[in-house]
Structures are given as structure tokens and as C-alpha cells.
Amino acid sequence: MLTISKSKLKAKMLGVFREIEKTGEEVIVTDNRKPVLKIIPLKEKKTFDKAFADVQGKMKYTDDVHKSTEEEWGDLK
């Protein structure tokens, strides 16, 4: 994880942002050596198909999908 002071970030912000985009690394911004901010890259939201692509067609659910599951969860109300 990279650490940078506010003053250095101000001077090199575009370069720092490009590095974050390229590496996906988080950056901690400091003020008088005290951490005050964390800059993190946004992660691409995956579609259902992409998120479960490696298991699609490999799993089977053999129980009735309409069956109540209240008994399994007990008194959570």
C-alpha cells in the first residue's frame, strides 16, 4: 500500500490516480504523517453470469425450490 502526503498528492495527483488505476493498489494520504484519507480504485461490478461463470452448469439443486425454509432459520423474528 502506497502512502503519500497531501502536499505531494496535490503536486502529483494525476500521476497517482493513473498508478492506482493501473495497479489497483490503495493509497493512504497523510497530513503531518497522520493517515487522513484512503484512495481506493472502484471495482467493476460483475453481472450474475460473470460472477458465477466458473460454476454454471456444474451445480444441481435437488430440493423443491418452493419449499419453506422457516424451520431451518428458527425464531429469528
N, C-alpha and C. Protein backbone atom coordinates (compact mmCIF):
# COMPACT_ATOMS: atom_id res chain seq x y z
N MET A 1 0.85 -1.17 0.00
CA MET A 1 0.00 0.00 0.00
C MET A 1 0.90 1.24 0.00
N LEU A 2 0.61 2.13 -0.89
CA LEU A 2 1.38 3.36 -1.05
C LEU A 2 0.89 4.40 -0.05
N THR A 3 1.82 5.20 0.49
CA THR A 3 1.48 6.32 1.37
C THR A 3 2.07 7.58 0.77
N ILE A 4 1.27 8.67 0.78
CA ILE A 4 1.72 9.93 0.21
C ILE A 4 1.15 11.08 1.04
N SER A 5 1.92 12.14 1.18
CA SER A 5 1.44 13.31 1.93
C SER A 5 0.48 14.11 1.05
N LYS A 6 -0.35 14.93 1.72
CA LYS A 6 -1.29 15.78 0.98
C LYS A 6 -0.55 16.68 0.00
N SER A 7 0.56 17.26 0.43
CA SER A 7 1.28 18.20 -0.44
C SER A 7 1.85 17.50 -1.67
N LYS A 8 2.40 16.29 -1.50
CA LYS A 8 2.91 15.55 -2.66
C LYS A 8 1.76 15.10 -3.57
N LEU A 9 0.65 14.71 -2.96
CA LEU A 9 -0.51 14.30 -3.75
C LEU A 9 -1.00 15.45 -4.62
N LYS A 10 -1.06 16.65 -4.02
CA LYS A 10 -1.52 17.82 -4.77
C LYS A 10 -0.64 18.05 -6.00
N ALA A 11 0.65 17.91 -5.84
CA ALA A 11 1.58 18.15 -6.94
C ALA A 11 1.57 17.04 -7.98
N LYS A 12 1.26 15.80 -7.57
CA LYS A 12 1.37 14.65 -8.47
C LYS A 12 0.05 13.89 -8.62
N MET A 13 -1.07 14.55 -8.38
CA MET A 13 -2.35 13.86 -8.30
C MET A 13 -2.69 13.03 -9.54
N LEU A 14 -2.57 13.60 -10.72
CA LEU A 14 -2.93 12.87 -11.93
C LEU A 14 -2.08 11.60 -12.07
N GLY A 15 -0.80 11.71 -11.82
CA GLY A 15 0.08 10.54 -11.89
C GLY A 15 -0.28 9.49 -10.87
N VAL A 16 -0.61 9.93 -9.65
CA VAL A 16 -1.02 8.99 -8.59
C VAL A 16 -2.30 8.29 -9.00
N PHE A 17 -3.26 9.05 -9.52
CA PHE A 17 -4.52 8.43 -9.95
C PHE A 17 -4.29 7.41 -11.05
N ARG A 18 -3.44 7.74 -12.00
CA ARG A 18 -3.15 6.79 -13.09
C ARG A 18 -2.51 5.52 -12.55
N GLU A 19 -1.63 5.67 -11.58
CA GLU A 19 -0.98 4.50 -10.96
C GLU A 19 -2.00 3.62 -10.24
N ILE A 20 -2.93 4.25 -9.53
CA ILE A 20 -3.99 3.50 -8.84
C ILE A 20 -4.83 2.73 -9.85
N GLU A 21 -5.19 3.38 -10.95
CA GLU A 21 -5.98 2.72 -11.99
C GLU A 21 -5.23 1.53 -12.58
N LYS A 22 -3.93 1.70 -12.79
CA LYS A 22 -3.12 0.66 -13.42
C LYS A 22 -2.88 -0.53 -12.49
N THR A 23 -2.55 -0.25 -11.24
CA THR A 23 -2.16 -1.31 -10.32
C THR A 23 -3.29 -1.84 -9.45
N GLY A 24 -4.31 -1.00 -9.24
CA GLY A 24 -5.39 -1.40 -8.34
C GLY A 24 -5.01 -1.26 -6.88
N GLU A 25 -3.85 -0.66 -6.62
CA GLU A 25 -3.35 -0.51 -5.26
C GLU A 25 -4.04 0.65 -4.55
N GLU A 26 -4.25 0.50 -3.26
CA GLU A 26 -4.81 1.56 -2.44
C GLU A 26 -3.72 2.55 -2.05
N VAL A 27 -4.12 3.80 -1.79
CA VAL A 27 -3.17 4.83 -1.39
C VAL A 27 -3.68 5.49 -0.11
N ILE A 28 -2.80 5.62 0.87
CA ILE A 28 -3.12 6.33 2.10
C ILE A 28 -2.53 7.73 1.99
N VAL A 29 -3.36 8.73 2.25
CA VAL A 29 -2.92 10.12 2.20
C VAL A 29 -2.71 10.58 3.65
N THR A 30 -1.57 11.23 3.89
CA THR A 30 -1.24 11.67 5.24
C THR A 30 -1.22 13.19 5.35
N ASP A 31 -1.44 13.66 6.56
CA ASP A 31 -1.32 15.07 6.89
C ASP A 31 -0.48 15.12 8.17
N ASN A 32 0.72 15.71 8.07
CA ASN A 32 1.66 15.71 9.19
C ASN A 32 1.93 14.29 9.69
N ARG A 33 2.12 13.38 8.74
CA ARG A 33 2.43 11.96 8.96
C ARG A 33 1.29 11.16 9.58
N LYS A 34 0.12 11.77 9.70
CA LYS A 34 -1.04 11.07 10.24
C LYS A 34 -1.95 10.67 9.08
N PRO A 35 -2.35 9.41 8.97
CA PRO A 35 -3.25 8.98 7.89
C PRO A 35 -4.60 9.69 8.02
N VAL A 36 -5.05 10.30 6.92
CA VAL A 36 -6.33 11.01 6.94
C VAL A 36 -7.30 10.57 5.86
N LEU A 37 -6.80 9.99 4.79
CA LEU A 37 -7.65 9.54 3.69
C LEU A 37 -7.13 8.23 3.11
N LYS A 38 -8.04 7.48 2.51
CA LYS A 38 -7.65 6.30 1.75
C LYS A 38 -8.28 6.43 0.37
N ILE A 39 -7.47 6.30 -0.66
CA ILE A 39 -7.97 6.32 -2.03
C ILE A 39 -7.93 4.88 -2.54
N ILE A 40 -9.09 4.40 -2.97
CA ILE A 40 -9.17 3.03 -3.47
C ILE A 40 -9.79 3.05 -4.86
N PRO A 41 -9.33 2.14 -5.72
CA PRO A 41 -9.92 2.08 -7.06
C PRO A 41 -11.32 1.45 -7.00
N LEU A 42 -12.18 1.89 -7.87
CA LEU A 42 -13.50 1.27 -7.98
C LEU A 42 -13.35 -0.06 -8.69
N LYS A 43 -14.08 -1.03 -8.22
CA LYS A 43 -14.07 -2.33 -8.87
C LYS A 43 -15.27 -2.44 -9.78
N GLU A 44 -15.04 -3.04 -10.91
CA GLU A 44 -16.12 -3.23 -11.89
C GLU A 44 -17.17 -4.17 -11.30
N LYS A 45 -18.41 -3.75 -11.39
CA LYS A 45 -19.49 -4.63 -10.94
C LYS A 45 -19.65 -5.74 -11.95
N LYS A 46 -19.71 -6.96 -11.46
CA LYS A 46 -19.86 -8.11 -12.34
C LYS A 46 -21.33 -8.45 -12.51
N THR A 47 -21.67 -8.89 -13.69
CA THR A 47 -23.01 -9.40 -13.92
C THR A 47 -23.12 -10.76 -13.24
N PHE A 48 -24.33 -11.22 -13.04
CA PHE A 48 -24.53 -12.54 -12.45
C PHE A 48 -23.79 -13.60 -13.25
N ASP A 49 -23.91 -13.54 -14.57
CA ASP A 49 -23.27 -14.55 -15.42
C ASP A 49 -21.76 -14.55 -15.25
N LYS A 50 -21.14 -13.38 -15.17
CA LYS A 50 -19.68 -13.31 -14.99
C LYS A 50 -19.27 -13.79 -13.60
N ALA A 51 -20.04 -13.40 -12.59
CA ALA A 51 -19.69 -13.76 -11.21
C ALA A 51 -19.74 -15.27 -10.99
N PHE A 52 -20.67 -15.95 -11.65
CA PHE A 52 -20.84 -17.38 -11.42
C PHE A 52 -20.48 -18.22 -12.65
N ALA A 53 -19.73 -17.67 -13.58
CA ALA A 53 -19.39 -18.37 -14.82
C ALA A 53 -18.67 -19.69 -14.57
N ASP A 54 -17.78 -19.72 -13.58
CA ASP A 54 -16.99 -20.94 -13.34
C ASP A 54 -17.80 -22.08 -12.74
N VAL A 55 -18.99 -21.81 -12.20
CA VAL A 55 -19.79 -22.89 -11.61
C VAL A 55 -21.10 -23.14 -12.35
N GLN A 56 -21.41 -22.32 -13.33
CA GLN A 56 -22.66 -22.52 -14.06
C GLN A 56 -22.65 -23.87 -14.77
N GLY A 57 -23.75 -24.58 -14.60
CA GLY A 57 -23.90 -25.89 -15.22
C GLY A 57 -23.22 -27.00 -14.44
N LYS A 58 -22.59 -26.69 -13.32
CA LYS A 58 -21.87 -27.69 -12.54
C LYS A 58 -22.57 -27.99 -11.22
N MET A 59 -23.62 -27.27 -10.91
CA MET A 59 -24.31 -27.45 -9.63
C MET A 59 -25.73 -27.90 -9.87
N LYS A 60 -26.22 -28.68 -8.92
CA LYS A 60 -27.61 -29.13 -9.00
C LYS A 60 -28.28 -28.86 -7.67
N TYR A 61 -29.50 -28.38 -7.72
CA TYR A 61 -30.31 -28.20 -6.53
C TYR A 61 -31.42 -29.21 -6.62
N THR A 62 -31.45 -30.16 -5.71
CA THR A 62 -32.39 -31.27 -5.83
C THR A 62 -33.63 -31.14 -4.96
N ASP A 63 -33.65 -30.13 -4.09
CA ASP A 63 -34.82 -29.94 -3.24
C ASP A 63 -35.85 -29.09 -3.97
N ASP A 64 -37.07 -29.07 -3.45
CA ASP A 64 -38.14 -28.26 -4.02
C ASP A 64 -37.83 -26.78 -3.75
N VAL A 65 -37.68 -25.99 -4.79
CA VAL A 65 -37.34 -24.57 -4.62
C VAL A 65 -38.48 -23.77 -3.99
N HIS A 66 -39.66 -24.31 -3.96
CA HIS A 66 -40.81 -23.63 -3.37
C HIS A 66 -41.04 -24.04 -1.92
N LYS A 67 -40.25 -24.95 -1.40
CA LYS A 67 -40.39 -25.45 -0.04
C LYS A 67 -39.98 -24.35 0.96
N SER A 68 -40.76 -24.20 2.01
CA SER A 68 -40.47 -23.20 3.04
C SER A 68 -39.18 -23.57 3.79
N THR A 69 -38.43 -22.56 4.15
CA THR A 69 -37.20 -22.79 4.91
C THR A 69 -37.29 -22.21 6.33
N GLU A 70 -38.51 -21.86 6.75
CA GLU A 70 -38.70 -21.25 8.06
C GLU A 70 -38.15 -22.12 9.19
N GLU A 71 -38.35 -23.42 9.12
CA GLU A 71 -37.87 -24.32 10.17
C GLU A 71 -36.35 -24.24 10.31
N GLU A 72 -35.64 -24.16 9.21
CA GLU A 72 -34.19 -24.09 9.25
C GLU A 72 -33.70 -22.86 9.99
N TRP A 73 -34.40 -21.75 9.87
CA TRP A 73 -33.95 -20.49 10.43
C TRP A 73 -34.42 -20.27 11.86
N GLY A 74 -35.35 -21.06 12.32
CA GLY A 74 -35.80 -20.95 13.71
C GLY A 74 -36.50 -19.64 14.00
N ASP A 75 -36.37 -19.19 15.23
CA ASP A 75 -37.05 -17.97 15.68
C ASP A 75 -36.15 -16.76 15.55
N LEU A 76 -35.92 -16.32 14.35
CA LEU A 76 -35.10 -15.14 14.10
C LEU A 76 -35.94 -13.87 14.04
N LYS A 77 -37.24 -14.03 14.20
CA LYS A 77 -38.13 -12.88 14.07
C LYS A 77 -38.05 -11.99 15.27
